[in-house]
N, C-alpha and C. Protein backbone atom coordinates (compact mmCIF):
# COMPACT_ATOMS: atom_id res chain seq x y z
N MET A 1 115.22 103.63 109.86
CA MET A 1 115.42 103.07 108.76
C MET A 1 113.88 102.98 107.98
N LEU A 2 112.54 103.04 108.78
CA LEU A 2 111.06 103.67 108.44
C LEU A 2 110.98 104.44 107.74
N GLU A 3 111.36 105.11 108.99
CA GLU A 3 111.09 106.88 108.33
C GLU A 3 112.74 107.44 107.44
N ASP A 4 113.50 107.38 107.17
CA ASP A 4 114.01 107.44 105.71
C ASP A 4 113.59 106.54 104.79
N LEU A 5 113.41 106.00 104.84
CA LEU A 5 112.11 105.90 103.14
C LEU A 5 111.28 105.68 102.61
N LYS A 6 110.46 105.98 104.26
CA LYS A 6 108.96 106.25 104.34
C LYS A 6 110.20 108.22 102.80
N GLN A 7 111.02 109.42 103.46
CA GLN A 7 111.12 110.38 102.87
C GLN A 7 111.72 110.17 101.83
N ASN A 8 112.26 108.91 101.53
CA ASN A 8 112.23 108.60 100.25
C ASN A 8 111.12 108.71 98.94
N ILE A 9 110.25 107.60 99.82
CA ILE A 9 109.19 107.76 99.05
C ILE A 9 108.33 108.73 98.39
N LEU A 10 108.63 109.93 99.81
CA LEU A 10 107.74 110.78 99.29
C LEU A 10 109.00 111.51 97.66
N ARG A 11 109.98 111.73 97.91
CA ARG A 11 110.13 112.24 96.72
C ARG A 11 110.03 112.21 95.65
N LEU A 12 109.85 110.60 95.84
CA LEU A 12 109.44 109.10 94.20
C LEU A 12 107.81 109.45 93.95
N MET A 13 107.19 109.52 94.23
CA MET A 13 105.95 109.70 94.44
C MET A 13 105.73 111.31 93.88
N PRO A 14 104.67 111.12 91.77
CA PRO A 14 104.49 112.64 92.09
C PRO A 14 102.69 112.23 92.03
N VAL A 15 102.49 112.06 93.24
CA VAL A 15 101.01 111.82 93.23
C VAL A 15 100.88 113.69 95.01
N GLU A 16 99.99 114.07 94.73
CA GLU A 16 99.31 115.01 95.72
C GLU A 16 99.20 114.97 96.93
N SER A 17 98.94 114.07 97.15
CA SER A 17 99.04 113.83 98.76
C SER A 17 99.35 112.43 99.00
N ILE A 18 99.72 111.81 100.45
CA ILE A 18 99.63 109.94 100.53
C ILE A 18 98.90 109.93 102.15
N SER A 19 98.66 109.15 101.11
CA SER A 19 97.70 109.30 103.59
C SER A 19 98.62 108.65 104.19
N PRO A 20 98.91 108.83 105.45
CA PRO A 20 100.36 108.63 105.49
C PRO A 20 100.47 106.45 106.31
N ASP A 21 99.21 105.69 106.57
CA ASP A 21 98.39 104.45 106.21
C ASP A 21 99.32 104.27 104.84
N ARG A 22 98.92 104.58 103.77
CA ARG A 22 99.45 103.94 102.51
C ARG A 22 100.71 104.05 102.67
N LEU A 23 101.89 105.14 102.81
CA LEU A 23 102.44 105.52 103.13
C LEU A 23 103.37 104.03 104.26
N SER A 24 103.21 104.27 104.88
CA SER A 24 103.39 103.63 105.25
C SER A 24 103.56 102.28 105.54
N PHE A 25 102.74 101.73 104.87
CA PHE A 25 101.94 99.95 105.07
C PHE A 25 103.10 100.33 103.17
N ILE A 26 103.55 101.11 102.58
CA ILE A 26 104.54 100.88 101.22
C ILE A 26 105.53 101.08 100.94
N ALA A 27 106.66 101.75 102.22
CA ALA A 27 107.15 101.49 103.04
C ALA A 27 107.92 99.93 104.07
N ALA A 28 106.87 100.03 104.70
CA ALA A 28 106.89 98.32 105.38
C ALA A 28 107.75 97.73 104.46
N THR A 29 106.85 97.29 103.65
CA THR A 29 106.42 96.28 101.50
C THR A 29 107.56 96.35 101.55
N LEU A 30 108.16 97.63 101.47
CA LEU A 30 109.56 97.59 101.22
C LEU A 30 110.39 97.44 101.71
N LEU A 31 110.93 97.88 102.29
CA LEU A 31 111.66 96.71 104.06
C LEU A 31 111.39 95.81 104.31
N THR A 32 110.58 95.36 105.01
CA THR A 32 109.94 93.86 104.27
C THR A 32 110.62 92.81 103.04
N MET A 33 110.14 92.88 102.61
CA MET A 33 110.99 92.95 101.05
C MET A 33 112.36 93.02 101.00
N GLY A 34 113.27 93.61 101.55
CA GLY A 34 114.48 93.94 101.39
C GLY A 34 115.23 92.19 102.38
N LEU A 35 114.40 93.10 103.44
CA LEU A 35 115.35 92.16 104.69
C LEU A 35 114.76 91.13 104.17
N GLU A 36 113.99 89.60 103.71
CA GLU A 36 113.27 88.70 103.33
C GLU A 36 114.32 88.34 102.03
N SER A 37 115.48 89.68 101.48
CA SER A 37 115.75 89.06 100.25
C SER A 37 117.24 88.37 100.47
N LEU A 38 117.46 89.60 102.00
CA LEU A 38 118.20 88.93 102.77
C LEU A 38 118.67 88.07 103.35
N LEU A 39 117.74 87.58 103.90
CA LEU A 39 117.82 86.27 103.71
C LEU A 39 118.07 84.94 103.50
N TYR A 40 117.50 85.39 102.63
CA TYR A 40 117.37 84.33 101.24
C TYR A 40 118.79 84.65 100.70
N MET A 41 118.60 85.61 100.98
CA MET A 41 121.31 85.06 100.50
C MET A 41 121.94 84.38 101.71
N ALA A 42 121.69 85.13 102.80
CA ALA A 42 122.26 84.48 104.23
C ALA A 42 122.28 82.83 103.32
N ARG A 43 121.12 82.41 103.10
CA ARG A 43 120.53 80.65 103.75
C ARG A 43 121.45 80.15 102.18
N ASN A 44 121.48 80.80 101.65
CA ASN A 44 121.61 80.29 99.97
C ASN A 44 123.25 81.33 99.94
N PRO A 45 124.61 80.94 100.30
CA PRO A 45 126.27 81.16 100.67
C PRO A 45 126.34 81.71 98.69
N LEU A 46 125.60 80.70 97.66
CA LEU A 46 126.74 80.08 96.95
C LEU A 46 125.89 81.31 95.71
N LEU A 47 125.14 82.18 95.41
CA LEU A 47 124.20 82.98 95.07
C LEU A 47 125.70 83.87 95.18
N ASP A 48 125.32 84.44 93.79
CA ASP A 48 125.07 85.52 93.24
C ASP A 48 124.97 86.95 93.83
N ILE A 49 126.06 88.13 95.24
CA ILE A 49 124.90 88.83 95.42
C ILE A 49 124.68 89.99 94.22
N GLU A 50 125.27 90.80 93.40
CA GLU A 50 125.47 91.48 93.03
C GLU A 50 123.97 91.21 92.58
N GLN A 51 124.18 89.79 91.52
CA GLN A 51 123.40 89.79 90.74
C GLN A 51 121.54 90.06 91.10
N ILE A 52 121.75 89.05 92.66
CA ILE A 52 120.22 89.03 93.59
C ILE A 52 120.34 90.12 94.51
N SER A 53 121.13 90.91 94.33
CA SER A 53 120.78 92.06 95.00
C SER A 53 119.78 93.31 94.06
N GLY A 54 120.81 93.13 92.81
CA GLY A 54 120.51 93.69 91.68
C GLY A 54 118.88 93.24 91.08
N LEU A 55 118.58 91.87 91.28
CA LEU A 55 117.30 91.65 91.14
C LEU A 55 115.89 92.13 92.31
N SER A 56 116.93 91.78 93.35
CA SER A 56 116.06 92.36 94.97
C SER A 56 115.30 93.96 94.34
N GLY A 57 116.38 95.31 93.81
CA GLY A 57 116.54 96.70 93.72
C GLY A 57 115.31 96.24 92.74
N SER A 58 115.62 95.84 91.57
CA SER A 58 114.30 95.73 90.75
C SER A 58 112.88 96.04 90.22
N MET A 59 112.84 94.37 91.63
CA MET A 59 111.18 94.15 92.27
C MET A 59 111.14 95.29 92.80
N ALA A 60 112.27 95.97 93.77
CA ALA A 60 110.99 96.54 94.50
C ALA A 60 111.06 98.16 93.57
N ALA A 61 112.05 98.43 93.10
CA ALA A 61 111.44 99.94 92.22
C ALA A 61 110.39 99.64 91.72
N GLY A 62 110.21 98.20 90.62
CA GLY A 62 109.16 97.77 89.80
C GLY A 62 107.75 98.29 91.33
N ASN A 63 107.74 98.01 92.60
CA ASN A 63 106.70 98.18 93.00
C ASN A 63 106.19 99.26 93.57
N VAL A 64 107.08 100.04 93.21
CA VAL A 64 107.57 101.41 93.87
C VAL A 64 106.30 102.21 92.93
N ARG A 65 106.45 101.58 91.14
CA ARG A 65 105.97 101.75 90.13
C ARG A 65 105.03 101.86 90.16
N GLY A 66 104.28 100.86 90.41
CA GLY A 66 103.12 99.47 90.40
C GLY A 66 101.97 100.91 92.10
N ALA A 67 102.93 101.51 93.25
CA ALA A 67 101.39 102.53 93.89
C ALA A 67 101.58 103.20 93.19
N ILE A 68 103.21 104.17 93.37
CA ILE A 68 102.43 105.04 91.62
C ILE A 68 101.53 104.81 91.68
N ALA A 69 100.99 104.25 90.31
CA ALA A 69 100.45 104.06 89.06
C ALA A 69 98.76 104.00 89.76
N PHE A 70 99.06 102.77 90.61
CA PHE A 70 97.61 102.92 91.96
C PHE A 70 97.69 104.24 91.72
N LEU A 71 97.74 104.94 92.73
CA LEU A 71 97.57 106.29 93.47
C LEU A 71 96.99 107.03 92.33
N CYS A 72 97.55 107.28 91.71
CA CYS A 72 97.30 108.37 90.06
C CYS A 72 96.01 107.93 89.65
N ASN A 73 95.82 106.54 89.59
CA ASN A 73 94.38 106.17 89.10
C ASN A 73 94.22 104.94 89.73
N PRO A 74 93.47 105.22 90.67
CA PRO A 74 92.19 104.45 91.59
C PRO A 74 91.91 103.22 90.68
N PRO A 75 91.86 102.29 90.84
CA PRO A 75 90.35 101.73 89.94
C PRO A 75 88.97 102.21 89.73
N PRO A 76 87.90 101.95 89.45
CA PRO A 76 86.40 102.54 89.72
C PRO A 76 85.91 102.00 90.89
N GLU A 77 85.56 102.25 92.37
CA GLU A 77 84.76 101.76 93.48
C GLU A 77 83.59 100.85 92.65
N HIS A 78 83.24 99.91 93.83
CA HIS A 78 82.04 99.23 92.87
C HIS A 78 80.94 99.17 93.64
């Protein structure tokens, strides 16, 4: 599952190269977020699953966009 997610991330990221450790970090963070969303939904069965899954997907997409922006324009080193 994690390897498939890494391949999907690589297709989306317009960066020339991303280190394996950064790729693993991004993929693991997204997977953790998705699993936490599932656990939250399981504890709250009255939630609208479509709305919560849409919200989770949007949050994950925002995190990927943030990672792309960071990797393409890293902050200056001190």
